[in-house]
Amino acid sequence: MSGQTRFALGDEIDIYCRWCRLNMNGVVSALDEKGDVAKVQCRTCRNFLPFKPPKDMAAEKRRLLDKALKMREGQEGRGDFRRQRPKQAVAIPVRGGSGPQDVG
């Protein structure tokens, strides 16, 4: 951040919160010797964390979509287990009982 705007303690800044896993607003809570942001506090979850600039969420969405499609392509050869019919229940005979389950 050395070539960018300088921040002071308590300034609001856009951050990536690893606890919320989203781009959020944060408050500068610590600066290093050069005056760069070292730690921030997320204004949503109130956790303190090392400063990470906001992520490009569109690129992250594309990356996750590509990952999901690759996983789906790998499962096509194995069949779709969700569409299989469930096994039918099997009646277990009960000894000494009276009723429809009594085998005889």
N, C-alpha and C. Protein backbone atom coordinates (compact mmCIF):
# COMPACT_ATOMS: atom_id res chain seq x y z
N MET A 1 0.81 -1.20 0.00
CA MET A 1 0.00 0.00 0.00
C MET A 1 0.85 1.26 0.00
N SER A 2 2.14 1.15 -0.22
CA SER A 2 3.03 2.29 -0.04
C SER A 2 2.74 3.43 -1.00
N GLY A 3 2.21 3.16 -2.20
CA GLY A 3 1.95 4.23 -3.15
C GLY A 3 0.53 4.75 -3.09
N GLN A 4 -0.29 4.24 -2.19
CA GLN A 4 -1.69 4.61 -2.15
C GLN A 4 -1.95 5.60 -1.02
N THR A 5 -3.23 5.86 -0.80
CA THR A 5 -3.66 6.79 0.24
C THR A 5 -3.21 6.31 1.61
N ARG A 6 -2.79 7.22 2.45
CA ARG A 6 -2.41 6.89 3.82
C ARG A 6 -3.65 6.90 4.69
N PHE A 7 -3.69 5.97 5.61
CA PHE A 7 -4.81 5.87 6.51
C PHE A 7 -4.34 6.15 7.93
N ALA A 8 -5.26 6.63 8.76
CA ALA A 8 -4.98 6.85 10.18
C ALA A 8 -5.80 5.86 10.99
N LEU A 9 -5.44 5.70 12.24
CA LEU A 9 -6.20 4.81 13.11
C LEU A 9 -7.66 5.27 13.18
N GLY A 10 -8.59 4.33 13.06
CA GLY A 10 -10.00 4.65 13.13
C GLY A 10 -10.64 4.95 11.79
N ASP A 11 -9.86 5.05 10.71
CA ASP A 11 -10.42 5.31 9.38
C ASP A 11 -11.18 4.08 8.88
N GLU A 12 -12.27 4.31 8.14
CA GLU A 12 -13.00 3.21 7.52
C GLU A 12 -12.29 2.82 6.24
N ILE A 13 -12.25 1.50 5.99
CA ILE A 13 -11.54 0.99 4.83
C ILE A 13 -12.27 -0.26 4.35
N ASP A 14 -12.22 -0.53 3.04
CA ASP A 14 -12.79 -1.76 2.49
C ASP A 14 -11.79 -2.89 2.70
N ILE A 15 -12.28 -4.02 3.22
CA ILE A 15 -11.41 -5.15 3.53
C ILE A 15 -12.08 -6.44 3.07
N TYR A 16 -11.29 -7.52 3.04
CA TYR A 16 -11.84 -8.86 2.91
C TYR A 16 -11.79 -9.48 4.29
N CYS A 17 -12.94 -9.81 4.86
CA CYS A 17 -13.00 -10.42 6.18
C CYS A 17 -13.00 -11.93 6.03
N ARG A 18 -11.99 -12.58 6.61
CA ARG A 18 -11.90 -14.04 6.50
C ARG A 18 -12.95 -14.74 7.36
N TRP A 19 -13.49 -14.07 8.35
CA TRP A 19 -14.54 -14.67 9.19
C TRP A 19 -15.89 -14.61 8.49
N CYS A 20 -16.21 -13.46 7.91
CA CYS A 20 -17.46 -13.31 7.17
C CYS A 20 -17.36 -13.92 5.77
N ARG A 21 -16.13 -14.06 5.27
CA ARG A 21 -15.84 -14.56 3.92
C ARG A 21 -16.47 -13.68 2.85
N LEU A 22 -16.44 -12.37 3.10
CA LEU A 22 -16.99 -11.39 2.17
C LEU A 22 -16.17 -10.12 2.23
N ASN A 23 -16.35 -9.28 1.21
CA ASN A 23 -15.80 -7.93 1.27
C ASN A 23 -16.68 -7.12 2.20
N MET A 24 -16.05 -6.47 3.17
CA MET A 24 -16.80 -5.73 4.18
C MET A 24 -16.14 -4.39 4.45
N ASN A 25 -16.80 -3.57 5.25
CA ASN A 25 -16.20 -2.35 5.76
C ASN A 25 -15.44 -2.69 7.03
N GLY A 26 -14.29 -2.07 7.19
CA GLY A 26 -13.50 -2.30 8.39
C GLY A 26 -12.96 -0.99 8.92
N VAL A 27 -12.38 -1.05 10.11
CA VAL A 27 -11.79 0.11 10.76
C VAL A 27 -10.32 -0.20 10.96
N VAL A 28 -9.45 0.73 10.61
CA VAL A 28 -8.01 0.55 10.80
C VAL A 28 -7.73 0.52 12.29
N SER A 29 -7.08 -0.57 12.75
CA SER A 29 -6.80 -0.69 14.18
C SER A 29 -5.31 -0.70 14.48
N ALA A 30 -4.44 -0.91 13.46
CA ALA A 30 -3.00 -0.89 13.70
C ALA A 30 -2.28 -0.54 12.40
N LEU A 31 -1.21 0.23 12.53
CA LEU A 31 -0.36 0.60 11.40
C LEU A 31 1.04 0.06 11.66
N ASP A 32 1.77 -0.25 10.57
CA ASP A 32 3.16 -0.68 10.75
C ASP A 32 4.09 0.53 10.76
N GLU A 33 5.40 0.27 10.78
CA GLU A 33 6.38 1.37 10.87
C GLU A 33 6.33 2.32 9.69
N LYS A 34 5.96 1.81 8.52
CA LYS A 34 5.89 2.64 7.31
C LYS A 34 4.59 3.44 7.21
N GLY A 35 3.65 3.14 8.07
CA GLY A 35 2.35 3.82 8.02
C GLY A 35 1.31 3.06 7.22
N ASP A 36 1.65 1.84 6.78
CA ASP A 36 0.69 1.01 6.05
C ASP A 36 -0.24 0.31 7.04
N VAL A 37 -1.42 -0.05 6.57
CA VAL A 37 -2.40 -0.72 7.42
C VAL A 37 -1.90 -2.12 7.75
N ALA A 38 -1.83 -2.45 9.03
CA ALA A 38 -1.39 -3.77 9.46
C ALA A 38 -2.58 -4.62 9.93
N LYS A 39 -3.44 -4.06 10.78
CA LYS A 39 -4.60 -4.79 11.29
C LYS A 39 -5.84 -3.93 11.16
N VAL A 40 -6.96 -4.64 10.99
CA VAL A 40 -8.26 -3.98 10.87
C VAL A 40 -9.27 -4.72 11.72
N GLN A 41 -10.39 -4.05 11.97
CA GLN A 41 -11.52 -4.69 12.66
C GLN A 41 -12.70 -4.65 11.72
N CYS A 42 -13.30 -5.82 11.49
CA CYS A 42 -14.49 -5.90 10.65
C CYS A 42 -15.64 -5.23 11.39
N ARG A 43 -16.39 -4.39 10.71
CA ARG A 43 -17.49 -3.69 11.35
C ARG A 43 -18.73 -4.56 11.49
N THR A 44 -18.75 -5.69 10.81
CA THR A 44 -19.91 -6.58 10.89
C THR A 44 -19.76 -7.60 12.01
N CYS A 45 -18.64 -8.35 11.99
CA CYS A 45 -18.47 -9.40 13.01
C CYS A 45 -17.59 -8.95 14.17
N ARG A 46 -16.99 -7.79 14.08
CA ARG A 46 -16.17 -7.18 15.14
C ARG A 46 -14.86 -7.93 15.43
N ASN A 47 -14.44 -8.83 14.55
CA ASN A 47 -13.17 -9.53 14.74
C ASN A 47 -12.01 -8.69 14.23
N PHE A 48 -10.86 -8.80 14.90
CA PHE A 48 -9.64 -8.16 14.46
C PHE A 48 -8.87 -9.15 13.59
N LEU A 49 -8.33 -8.67 12.48
CA LEU A 49 -7.61 -9.53 11.57
C LEU A 49 -6.57 -8.74 10.80
N PRO A 50 -5.54 -9.43 10.27
CA PRO A 50 -4.56 -8.73 9.42
C PRO A 50 -5.27 -8.17 8.18
N PHE A 51 -4.80 -7.03 7.71
CA PHE A 51 -5.44 -6.38 6.56
C PHE A 51 -5.26 -7.20 5.31
N LYS A 52 -6.36 -7.44 4.60
CA LYS A 52 -6.35 -8.04 3.27
C LYS A 52 -7.24 -7.16 2.41
N PRO A 53 -6.75 -6.77 1.24
CA PRO A 53 -7.58 -5.93 0.37
C PRO A 53 -8.81 -6.70 -0.09
N PRO A 54 -9.86 -6.01 -0.52
CA PRO A 54 -11.08 -6.70 -0.97
C PRO A 54 -10.79 -7.59 -2.17
N LYS A 55 -11.46 -8.73 -2.23
CA LYS A 55 -11.31 -9.66 -3.35
C LYS A 55 -12.22 -9.25 -4.49
N ASP A 56 -11.82 -9.65 -5.69
CA ASP A 56 -12.68 -9.48 -6.86
C ASP A 56 -13.71 -10.60 -6.80
N MET A 57 -14.89 -10.30 -6.31
CA MET A 57 -15.90 -11.34 -6.07
C MET A 57 -16.39 -11.97 -7.37
N ALA A 58 -16.38 -11.24 -8.49
CA ALA A 58 -16.80 -11.83 -9.76
C ALA A 58 -15.80 -12.91 -10.18
N ALA A 59 -14.51 -12.67 -9.98
CA ALA A 59 -13.49 -13.67 -10.32
C ALA A 59 -13.61 -14.87 -9.39
N GLU A 60 -13.90 -14.63 -8.12
CA GLU A 60 -14.07 -15.73 -7.15
C GLU A 60 -15.28 -16.58 -7.53
N LYS A 61 -16.35 -15.95 -7.97
CA LYS A 61 -17.55 -16.68 -8.38
C LYS A 61 -17.27 -17.55 -9.61
N ARG A 62 -16.51 -16.99 -10.58
CA ARG A 62 -16.14 -17.77 -11.77
C ARG A 62 -15.27 -18.97 -11.38
N ARG A 63 -14.32 -18.75 -10.45
CA ARG A 63 -13.43 -19.83 -10.03
C ARG A 63 -14.22 -20.97 -9.37
N LEU A 64 -15.16 -20.62 -8.50
CA LEU A 64 -15.96 -21.64 -7.84
C LEU A 64 -16.90 -22.36 -8.80
N LEU A 65 -17.43 -21.63 -9.78
CA LEU A 65 -18.30 -22.25 -10.78
C LEU A 65 -17.52 -23.24 -11.63
N ASP A 66 -16.30 -22.85 -12.05
CA ASP A 66 -15.45 -23.77 -12.82
C ASP A 66 -15.12 -25.01 -12.01
N LYS A 67 -14.85 -24.84 -10.73
CA LYS A 67 -14.55 -25.98 -9.86
C LYS A 67 -15.75 -26.92 -9.76
N ALA A 68 -16.95 -26.35 -9.61
CA ALA A 68 -18.16 -27.17 -9.52
C ALA A 68 -18.42 -27.92 -10.82
N LEU A 69 -18.19 -27.27 -11.96
CA LEU A 69 -18.40 -27.93 -13.25
C LEU A 69 -17.41 -29.07 -13.45
N LYS A 70 -16.16 -28.88 -13.02
CA LYS A 70 -15.17 -29.96 -13.14
C LYS A 70 -15.55 -31.14 -12.27
N MET A 71 -16.07 -30.86 -11.07
CA MET A 71 -16.51 -31.94 -10.19
C MET A 71 -17.68 -32.70 -10.82
N ARG A 72 -18.57 -31.97 -11.46
CA ARG A 72 -19.73 -32.62 -12.08
C ARG A 72 -19.30 -33.46 -13.27
N GLU A 73 -18.33 -32.98 -14.07
CA GLU A 73 -17.84 -33.75 -15.21
C GLU A 73 -17.20 -35.05 -14.74
N GLY A 74 -16.52 -35.02 -13.61
CA GLY A 74 -15.89 -36.21 -13.08
C GLY A 74 -16.90 -37.24 -12.58
N GLN A 75 -18.10 -36.81 -12.23
CA GLN A 75 -19.11 -37.72 -11.71
C GLN A 75 -20.01 -38.28 -12.80
N GLU A 76 -19.92 -37.76 -14.03
CA GLU A 76 -20.82 -38.23 -15.09
C GLU A 76 -20.60 -39.69 -15.42
N GLY A 77 -19.36 -40.17 -15.38
CA GLY A 77 -19.08 -41.56 -15.68
C GLY A 77 -19.55 -42.50 -14.60
N ARG A 78 -19.70 -42.05 -13.39
CA ARG A 78 -20.10 -42.89 -12.26
C ARG A 78 -21.61 -42.97 -12.10
N GLY A 79 -22.33 -42.17 -12.79
CA GLY A 79 -23.79 -42.18 -12.65
C GLY A 79 -24.24 -41.15 -11.63
N ASP A 80 -25.48 -40.81 -11.73
CA ASP A 80 -26.05 -39.84 -10.81
C ASP A 80 -26.75 -40.61 -9.69
N PHE A 81 -26.12 -40.65 -8.53
CA PHE A 81 -26.63 -41.44 -7.43
C PHE A 81 -27.90 -40.87 -6.84
N ARG A 82 -28.16 -39.62 -7.02
CA ARG A 82 -29.36 -39.01 -6.45
C ARG A 82 -30.63 -39.49 -7.14
N ARG A 83 -30.52 -39.95 -8.39
CA ARG A 83 -31.71 -40.34 -9.13
C ARG A 83 -32.00 -41.83 -9.03
N GLN A 84 -31.19 -42.58 -8.32
CA GLN A 84 -31.47 -44.00 -8.16
C GLN A 84 -32.65 -44.18 -7.23
N ARG A 85 -33.38 -45.26 -7.46
CA ARG A 85 -34.52 -45.56 -6.61
C ARG A 85 -34.01 -46.07 -5.28
N PRO A 86 -34.64 -45.66 -4.19
CA PRO A 86 -34.22 -46.17 -2.89
C PRO A 86 -34.57 -47.65 -2.75
N LYS A 87 -33.79 -48.37 -1.96
CA LYS A 87 -34.07 -49.78 -1.72
C LYS A 87 -35.37 -49.90 -0.94
N GLN A 88 -36.12 -50.95 -1.26
CA GLN A 88 -37.39 -51.15 -0.56
C GLN A 88 -37.12 -51.77 0.80
N ALA A 89 -37.95 -51.43 1.75
CA ALA A 89 -37.81 -51.95 3.10
C ALA A 89 -38.14 -53.43 3.11
N VAL A 90 -37.39 -54.18 3.89
CA VAL A 90 -37.59 -55.61 4.00
C VAL A 90 -38.18 -55.90 5.38
N ALA A 91 -39.28 -56.68 5.42
CA ALA A 91 -39.90 -57.03 6.70
C ALA A 91 -39.07 -58.10 7.38
N ILE A 92 -38.77 -57.91 8.64
CA ILE A 92 -37.98 -58.86 9.42
C ILE A 92 -38.95 -59.62 10.32
N PRO A 93 -38.98 -60.94 10.20
CA PRO A 93 -39.91 -61.71 11.04
C PRO A 93 -39.53 -61.64 12.51
N VAL A 94 -40.55 -61.61 13.37
CA VAL A 94 -40.35 -61.53 14.80
C VAL A 94 -40.79 -62.86 15.42
N ARG A 95 -39.94 -63.46 16.22
CA ARG A 95 -40.28 -64.75 16.84
C ARG A 95 -41.24 -64.57 18.01
N GLY A 96 -42.20 -65.46 18.09
CA GLY A 96 -43.11 -65.48 19.23
C GLY A 96 -44.10 -64.35 19.26
N GLY A 97 -44.12 -63.55 18.25
CA GLY A 97 -45.05 -62.43 18.24
C GLY A 97 -46.35 -62.82 17.60
N SER A 98 -47.35 -62.05 17.86
CA SER A 98 -48.63 -62.28 17.20
C SER A 98 -48.94 -61.06 16.37
N GLY A 99 -49.33 -61.29 15.18
CA GLY A 99 -49.66 -60.18 14.33
C GLY A 99 -49.17 -60.43 12.91
N PRO A 100 -49.25 -59.42 12.09
CA PRO A 100 -48.90 -59.61 10.69
C PRO A 100 -47.44 -59.97 10.46
N GLN A 101 -46.54 -59.70 11.41
CA GLN A 101 -45.13 -60.01 11.21
C GLN A 101 -44.81 -61.45 11.58
N ASP A 102 -45.78 -62.15 12.20
CA ASP A 102 -45.54 -63.53 12.65
C ASP A 102 -45.46 -64.44 11.43
N VAL A 103 -44.34 -65.15 11.32
CA VAL A 103 -44.11 -66.00 10.17
C VAL A 103 -44.77 -67.36 10.36
N GLY A 104 -44.83 -67.85 11.50
CA GLY A 104 -45.58 -69.05 11.67
C GLY A 104 -44.93 -70.10 12.39
